[in-house]
PDB file of N, CA and C in Angstrom:
ATOM      1  N   MET A   1      48.132 -35.349 134.008  1.00  0.00           N
ATOM      2  CA  MET A   1      49.473 -35.475 134.537  1.00  0.00           C
ATOM      3  C   MET A   1      49.877 -34.149 135.166  1.00  0.00           C
ATOM      4  N   GLU A   2      50.254 -34.168 136.456  1.00  0.00           N
ATOM      5  CA  GLU A   2      50.677 -32.962 137.147  1.00  0.00           C
ATOM      6  C   GLU A   2      52.184 -32.910 137.216  1.00  0.00           C
ATOM      7  N   SER A   3      52.716 -31.684 137.259  1.00  0.00           N
ATOM      8  CA  SER A   3      54.158 -31.513 137.422  1.00  0.00           C
ATOM      9  C   SER A   3      54.400 -30.428 138.451  1.00  0.00           C
ATOM     10  N   LYS A   4      55.611 -30.445 139.017  1.00  0.00           N
ATOM     11  CA  LYS A   4      55.970 -29.444 140.015  1.00  0.00           C
ATOM     12  C   LYS A   4      56.282 -28.098 139.388  1.00  0.00           C
ATOM     13  N   GLY A   5      56.773 -28.109 138.172  1.00  0.00           N
ATOM     14  CA  GLY A   5      57.247 -26.874 137.554  1.00  0.00           C
ATOM     15  C   GLY A   5      56.334 -26.386 136.463  1.00  0.00           C
ATOM     16  N   SER A   6      56.856 -25.438 135.718  1.00  0.00           N
ATOM     17  CA  SER A   6      56.114 -24.886 134.608  1.00  0.00           C
ATOM     18  C   SER A   6      56.589 -25.548 133.330  1.00  0.00           C
ATOM     19  N   GLN A   7      55.900 -25.270 132.232  1.00  0.00           N
ATOM     20  CA  GLN A   7      56.295 -25.825 130.956  1.00  0.00           C
ATOM     21  C   GLN A   7      56.848 -24.731 130.073  1.00  0.00           C
ATOM     22  N   GLU A   8      57.892 -25.053 129.337  1.00  0.00           N
ATOM     23  CA  GLU A   8      58.472 -24.155 128.355  1.00  0.00           C
ATOM     24  C   GLU A   8      58.494 -24.889 127.032  1.00  0.00           C
ATOM     25  N   SER A   9      58.448 -24.159 125.942  1.00  0.00           N
ATOM     26  CA  SER A   9      58.525 -24.786 124.635  1.00  0.00           C
ATOM     27  C   SER A   9      59.977 -25.002 124.246  1.00  0.00           C
ATOM     28  N   THR A  10      60.235 -26.135 123.623  1.00  0.00           N
ATOM     29  CA  THR A  10      61.559 -26.396 123.083  1.00  0.00           C
ATOM     30  C   THR A  10      61.559 -25.984 121.628  1.00  0.00           C
ATOM     31  N   LYS A  11      62.710 -26.096 120.968  1.00  0.00           N
ATOM     32  CA  LYS A  11      62.811 -25.715 119.572  1.00  0.00           C
ATOM     33  C   LYS A  11      61.863 -26.526 118.709  1.00  0.00           C
ATOM     34  N   LYS A  12      61.617 -27.772 119.059  1.00  0.00           N
ATOM     35  CA  LYS A  12      60.750 -28.642 118.282  1.00  0.00           C
ATOM     36  C   LYS A  12      59.282 -28.431 118.624  1.00  0.00           C
ATOM     37  N   GLY A  13      59.009 -27.523 119.546  1.00  0.00           N
ATOM     38  CA  GLY A  13      57.632 -27.228 119.903  1.00  0.00           C
ATOM     39  C   GLY A  13      57.051 -28.143 120.961  1.00  0.00           C
ATOM     40  N   GLN A  14      57.858 -29.056 121.473  1.00  0.00           N
ATOM     41  CA  GLN A  14      57.388 -29.963 122.512  1.00  0.00           C
ATOM     42  C   GLN A  14      57.524 -29.280 123.863  1.00  0.00           C
ATOM     43  N   PRO A  15      56.500 -29.358 124.707  1.00  0.00           N
ATOM     44  CA  PRO A  15      56.631 -28.750 126.033  1.00  0.00           C
ATOM     45  C   PRO A  15      57.681 -29.483 126.855  1.00  0.00           C
ATOM     46  N   ARG A  16      58.364 -28.740 127.682  1.00  0.00           N
ATOM     47  CA  ARG A  16      59.402 -29.294 128.540  1.00  0.00           C
ATOM     48  C   ARG A  16      59.079 -28.868 129.966  1.00  0.00           C
ATOM     49  N   VAL A  17      59.112 -29.792 130.878  1.00  0.00           N
ATOM     50  CA  VAL A  17      58.829 -29.488 132.275  1.00  0.00           C
ATOM     51  C   VAL A  17      60.096 -28.928 132.904  1.00  0.00           C
ATOM     52  N   VAL A  18      59.961 -27.785 133.553  1.00  0.00           N
ATOM     53  CA  VAL A  18      61.076 -27.155 134.247  1.00  0.00           C
ATOM     54  C   VAL A  18      60.755 -27.155 135.732  1.00  0.00           C
ATOM     55  N   ASP A  19      61.504 -27.932 136.469  1.00  0.00           N
ATOM     56  CA  ASP A  19      61.314 -28.013 137.908  1.00  0.00           C
ATOM     57  C   ASP A  19      61.612 -26.646 138.519  1.00  0.00           C
ATOM     58  N   LYS A  20      60.835 -26.232 139.503  1.00  0.00           N
ATOM     59  CA  LYS A  20      61.020 -24.911 140.115  1.00  0.00           C
ATOM     60  C   LYS A  20      62.393 -24.759 140.753  1.00  0.00           C
ATOM     61  N   SER A  21      62.927 -25.832 141.347  1.00  0.00           N
ATOM     62  CA  SER A  21      64.258 -25.727 141.948  1.00  0.00           C
ATOM     63  C   SER A  21      65.317 -25.550 140.862  1.00  0.00           C
ATOM     64  N   ASN A  22      65.129 -26.193 139.712  1.00  0.00           N
ATOM     65  CA  ASN A  22      66.064 -26.001 138.600  1.00  0.00           C
ATOM     66  C   ASN A  22      65.941 -24.588 138.057  1.00  0.00           C
ATOM     67  N   ALA A  23      64.752 -24.053 137.978  1.00  0.00           N
ATOM     68  CA  ALA A  23      64.556 -22.687 137.492  1.00  0.00           C
ATOM     69  C   ALA A  23      65.255 -21.695 138.419  1.00  0.00           C
ATOM     70  N   ALA A  24      65.180 -21.933 139.722  1.00  0.00           N
ATOM     71  CA  ALA A  24      65.853 -21.056 140.679  1.00  0.00           C
ATOM     72  C   ALA A  24      67.370 -21.162 140.522  1.00  0.00           C
ATOM     73  N   ARG A  25      67.857 -22.369 140.306  1.00  0.00           N
ATOM     74  CA  ARG A  25      69.294 -22.582 140.118  1.00  0.00           C
ATOM     75  C   ARG A  25      69.771 -21.878 138.846  1.00  0.00           C
ATOM     76  N   VAL A  26      69.016 -22.002 137.776  1.00  0.00           N
ATOM     77  CA  VAL A  26      69.359 -21.337 136.519  1.00  0.00           C
ATOM     78  C   VAL A  26      69.372 -19.826 136.716  1.00  0.00           C
ATOM     79  N   SER A  27      68.421 -19.325 137.458  1.00  0.00           N
ATOM     80  CA  SER A  27      68.352 -17.891 137.728  1.00  0.00           C
ATOM     81  C   SER A  27      69.594 -17.410 138.485  1.00  0.00           C
ATOM     82  N   ARG A  28      70.027 -18.178 139.481  1.00  0.00           N
ATOM     83  CA  ARG A  28      71.215 -17.802 140.251  1.00  0.00           C
ATOM     84  C   ARG A  28      72.477 -17.842 139.390  1.00  0.00           C
ATOM     85  N   VAL A  29      72.586 -18.863 138.547  1.00  0.00           N
ATOM     86  CA  VAL A  29      73.756 -18.966 137.669  1.00  0.00           C
ATOM     87  C   VAL A  29      73.765 -17.822 136.662  1.00  0.00           C
ATOM     88  N   THR A  30      72.606 -17.496 136.117  1.00  0.00           N
ATOM     89  CA  THR A  30      72.504 -16.383 135.177  1.00  0.00           C
ATOM     90  C   THR A  30      72.922 -15.082 135.839  1.00  0.00           C
ATOM     91  N   LYS A  31      72.487 -14.872 137.070  1.00  0.00           N
ATOM     92  CA  LYS A  31      72.865 -13.667 137.804  1.00  0.00           C
ATOM     93  C   LYS A  31      74.378 -13.624 138.029  1.00  0.00           C
ATOM     94  N   LEU A  32      74.981 -14.765 138.359  1.00  0.00           N
ATOM     95  CA  LEU A  32      76.421 -14.843 138.567  1.00  0.00           C
ATOM     96  C   LEU A  32      77.168 -14.499 137.276  1.00  0.00           C
ATOM     97  N   PHE A  33      76.741 -15.057 136.150  1.00  0.00           N
ATOM     98  CA  PHE A  33      77.374 -14.741 134.872  1.00  0.00           C
ATOM     99  C   PHE A  33      77.247 -13.258 134.543  1.00  0.00           C
ATOM    100  N   ASP A  34      76.092 -12.688 134.808  1.00  0.00           N
ATOM    101  CA  ASP A  34      75.906 -11.253 134.569  1.00  0.00           C
ATOM    102  C   ASP A  34      76.887 -10.428 135.408  1.00  0.00           C
ATOM    103  N   GLU A  35      77.088 -10.824 136.666  1.00  0.00           N
ATOM    104  CA  GLU A  35      78.044 -10.125 137.524  1.00  0.00           C
ATOM    105  C   GLU A  35      79.462 -10.257 136.983  1.00  0.00           C
ATOM    106  N   TRP A  36      79.813 -11.456 136.503  1.00  0.00           N
ATOM    107  CA  TRP A  36      81.145 -11.654 135.934  1.00  0.00           C
ATOM    108  C   TRP A  36      81.351 -10.776 134.706  1.00  0.00           C
ATOM    109  N   LEU A  37      80.330 -10.677 133.872  1.00  0.00           N
ATOM    110  CA  LEU A  37      80.447  -9.862 132.661  1.00  0.00           C
ATOM    111  C   LEU A  37      80.614  -8.382 132.979  1.00  0.00           C
ATOM    112  N   GLN A  38      80.075  -7.943 134.104  1.00  0.00           N
ATOM    113  CA  GLN A  38      80.175  -6.541 134.489  1.00  0.00           C
ATOM    114  C   GLN A  38      81.480  -6.223 135.216  1.00  0.00           C
ATOM    115  N   ASP A  39      82.252  -7.251 135.586  1.00  0.00           N
ATOM    116  CA  ASP A  39      83.507  -7.057 136.313  1.00  0.00           C
ATOM    117  C   ASP A  39      84.522  -6.352 135.421  1.00  0.00           C
ATOM    118  N   SER A  40      85.029  -5.229 135.885  1.00  0.00           N
ATOM    119  CA  SER A  40      86.023  -4.480 135.113  1.00  0.00           C
ATOM    120  C   SER A  40      87.337  -4.359 135.891  1.00  0.00           C
ATOM    121  N   SER A  41      87.583  -5.317 136.781  1.00  0.00           N
ATOM    122  CA  SER A  41      88.783  -5.262 137.623  1.00  0.00           C
ATOM    123  C   SER A  41      90.061  -5.572 136.859  1.00  0.00           C
ATOM    124  N   GLY A  42      89.945  -6.262 135.738  1.00  0.00           N
ATOM    125  CA  GLY A  42      91.121  -6.654 134.969  1.00  0.00           C
ATOM    126  C   GLY A  42      91.707  -7.980 135.409  1.00  0.00           C
ATOM    127  N   TYR A  43      91.109  -8.599 136.417  1.00  0.00           N
ATOM    128  CA  TYR A  43      91.638  -9.856 136.946  1.00  0.00           C
ATOM    129  C   TYR A  43      91.687 -10.936 135.874  1.00  0.00           C
ATOM    130  N   ASP A  44      90.608 -11.093 135.117  1.00  0.00           N
ATOM    131  CA  ASP A  44      90.584 -12.151 134.112  1.00  0.00           C
ATOM    132  C   ASP A  44      91.605 -11.910 133.003  1.00  0.00           C
ATOM    133  N   GLU A  45      91.779 -10.668 132.590  1.00  0.00           N
ATOM    134  CA  GLU A  45      92.776 -10.364 131.563  1.00  0.00           C
ATOM    135  C   GLU A  45      94.199 -10.636 132.065  1.00  0.00           C
ATOM    136  N   GLU A  46      94.405 -10.453 133.360  1.00  0.00           N
ATOM    137  CA  GLU A  46      95.722 -10.678 133.959  1.00  0.00           C
ATOM    138  C   GLU A  46      96.018 -12.167 134.137  1.00  0.00           C
ATOM    139  N   THR A  47      95.027 -12.932 134.556  1.00  0.00           N
ATOM    140  CA  THR A  47      95.266 -14.334 134.888  1.00  0.00           C
ATOM    141  C   THR A  47      95.070 -15.295 133.725  1.00  0.00           C
ATOM    142  N   TRP A  48      94.291 -14.925 132.705  1.00  0.00           N
ATOM    143  CA  TRP A  48      94.020 -15.836 131.591  1.00  0.00           C
ATOM    144  C   TRP A  48      95.298 -16.332 130.916  1.00  0.00           C
ATOM    145  N   PRO A  49      96.278 -15.490 130.581  1.00  0.00           N
ATOM    146  CA  PRO A  49      97.489 -16.014 129.938  1.00  0.00           C
ATOM    147  C   PRO A  49      98.204 -17.070 130.793  1.00  0.00           C
ATOM    148  N   GLN A  50      98.225 -16.878 132.101  1.00  0.00           N
ATOM    149  CA  GLN A  50      98.866 -17.843 133.000  1.00  0.00           C
ATOM    150  C   GLN A  50      98.088 -19.157 133.020  1.00  0.00           C
ATOM    151  N   LEU A  51      96.775 -19.068 133.088  1.00  0.00           N
ATOM    152  CA  LEU A  51      95.934 -20.260 133.098  1.00  0.00           C
ATOM    153  C   LEU A  51      96.062 -21.016 131.786  1.00  0.00           C
ATOM    154  N   LYS A  52      96.019 -20.295 130.677  1.00  0.00           N
ATOM    155  CA  LYS A  52      96.127 -20.918 129.359  1.00  0.00           C
ATOM    156  C   LYS A  52      97.460 -21.654 129.227  1.00  0.00           C
ATOM    157  N   GLN A  53      98.539 -21.036 129.665  1.00  0.00           N
ATOM    158  CA  GLN A  53      99.856 -21.668 129.599  1.00  0.00           C
ATOM    159  C   GLN A  53      99.878 -22.946 130.435  1.00  0.00           C
ATOM    160  N   ALA A  54      99.343 -22.873 131.647  1.00  0.00           N
ATOM    161  CA  ALA A  54      99.329 -24.047 132.530  1.00  0.00           C
ATOM    162  C   ALA A  54      98.496 -25.177 131.935  1.00  0.00           C
ATOM    163  N   LEU A  55      97.369 -24.853 131.342  1.00  0.00           N
ATOM    164  CA  LEU A  55      96.525 -25.880 130.734  1.00  0.00           C
ATOM    165  C   LEU A  55      97.235 -26.530 129.554  1.00  0.00           C
ATOM    166  N   ASN A  56      97.894 -25.727 128.725  1.00  0.00           N
ATOM    167  CA  ASN A  56      98.631 -26.278 127.585  1.00  0.00           C
ATOM    168  C   ASN A  56      99.799 -27.146 128.039  1.00  0.00           C
ATOM    169  N   GLU A  57     100.499 -26.736 129.098  1.00  0.00           N
ATOM    170  CA  GLU A  57     101.643 -27.505 129.580  1.00  0.00           C
ATOM    171  C   GLU A  57     101.225 -28.839 130.173  1.00  0.00           C
ATOM    172  N   ASN A  58     100.043 -28.899 130.778  1.00  0.00           N
ATOM    173  CA  ASN A  58      99.592 -30.120 131.439  1.00  0.00           C
ATOM    174  C   ASN A  58      98.661 -30.958 130.568  1.00  0.00           C
ATOM    175  N   HIS A  59      98.598 -30.641 129.289  1.00  0.00           N
ATOM    176  CA  HIS A  59      97.740 -31.375 128.370  1.00  0.00           C
ATOM    177  C   HIS A  59      98.600 -32.298 127.510  1.00  0.00           C
ATOM    178  N   SER A  60      97.959 -33.160 126.782  1.00  0.00           N
ATOM    179  CA  SER A  60      98.642 -34.092 125.903  1.00  0.00           C
ATOM    180  C   SER A  60      99.655 -33.362 125.013  1.00  0.00           C
ATOM    181  N   LYS A  61     100.807 -33.926 124.854  1.00  0.00           N
ATOM    182  CA  LYS A  61     101.856 -33.320 124.030  1.00  0.00           C
ATOM    183  C   LYS A  61     101.516 -33.390 122.546  1.00  0.00           C
ATOM    184  N   SER A  62     100.543 -34.219 122.156  1.00  0.00           N
ATOM    185  CA  SER A  62     100.212 -34.344 120.738  1.00  0.00           C
ATOM    186  C   SER A  62      99.524 -33.108 120.174  1.00  0.00           C
ATOM    187  N   HIS A  63      98.833 -32.382 121.017  1.00  0.00           N
ATOM    188  CA  HIS A  63      98.208 -31.126 120.575  1.00  0.00           C
ATOM    189  C   HIS A  63      97.932 -30.236 121.786  1.00  0.00           C
ATOM    190  N   LYS A  64      97.902 -28.962 121.533  1.00  0.00           N
ATOM    191  CA  LYS A  64      97.631 -27.990 122.595  1.00  0.00           C
ATOM    192  C   LYS A  64      96.145 -27.641 122.602  1.00  0.00           C
ATOM    193  N   LEU A  65      95.648 -27.260 123.754  1.00  0.00           N
ATOM    194  CA  LEU A  65      94.250 -26.842 123.856  1.00  0.00           C
ATOM    195  C   LEU A  65      94.029 -25.483 123.205  1.00  0.00           C
ATOM    196  N   PHE A  66      95.050 -24.603 123.306  1.00  0.00           N
ATOM    197  CA  PHE A  66      94.910 -23.223 122.834  1.00  0.00           C
ATOM    198  C   PHE A  66      96.082 -22.893 121.926  1.00  0.00           C
ATOM    199  N   ASP A  67      95.806 -22.237 120.807  1.00  0.00           N
ATOM    200  CA  ASP A  67      96.871 -21.764 119.933  1.00  0.00           C
ATOM    201  C   ASP A  67      97.515 -20.542 120.575  1.00  0.00           C
ATOM    202  N   GLU A  68      98.779 -20.377 120.330  1.00  0.00           N
ATOM    203  CA  GLU A  68      99.495 -19.234 120.908  1.00  0.00           C
ATOM    204  C   GLU A  68      99.638 -18.142 119.885  1.00  0.00           C
TER     205      GLU A  68
END
């Protein structure tokens, strides 16, 4: 049986086929997350309280998504 990608082991020890295009996509997403983690602009600290409030206001009244 041939596959386009490489094989990686899963936790159960079963090989898993990883398509090369998926591996490239994962690599790009990982790089993006790394860039976000290195961002020290303060933008996320400034906007998170506003976003959290908006999400809580537009969510079910029975419970909030985030504790205050």
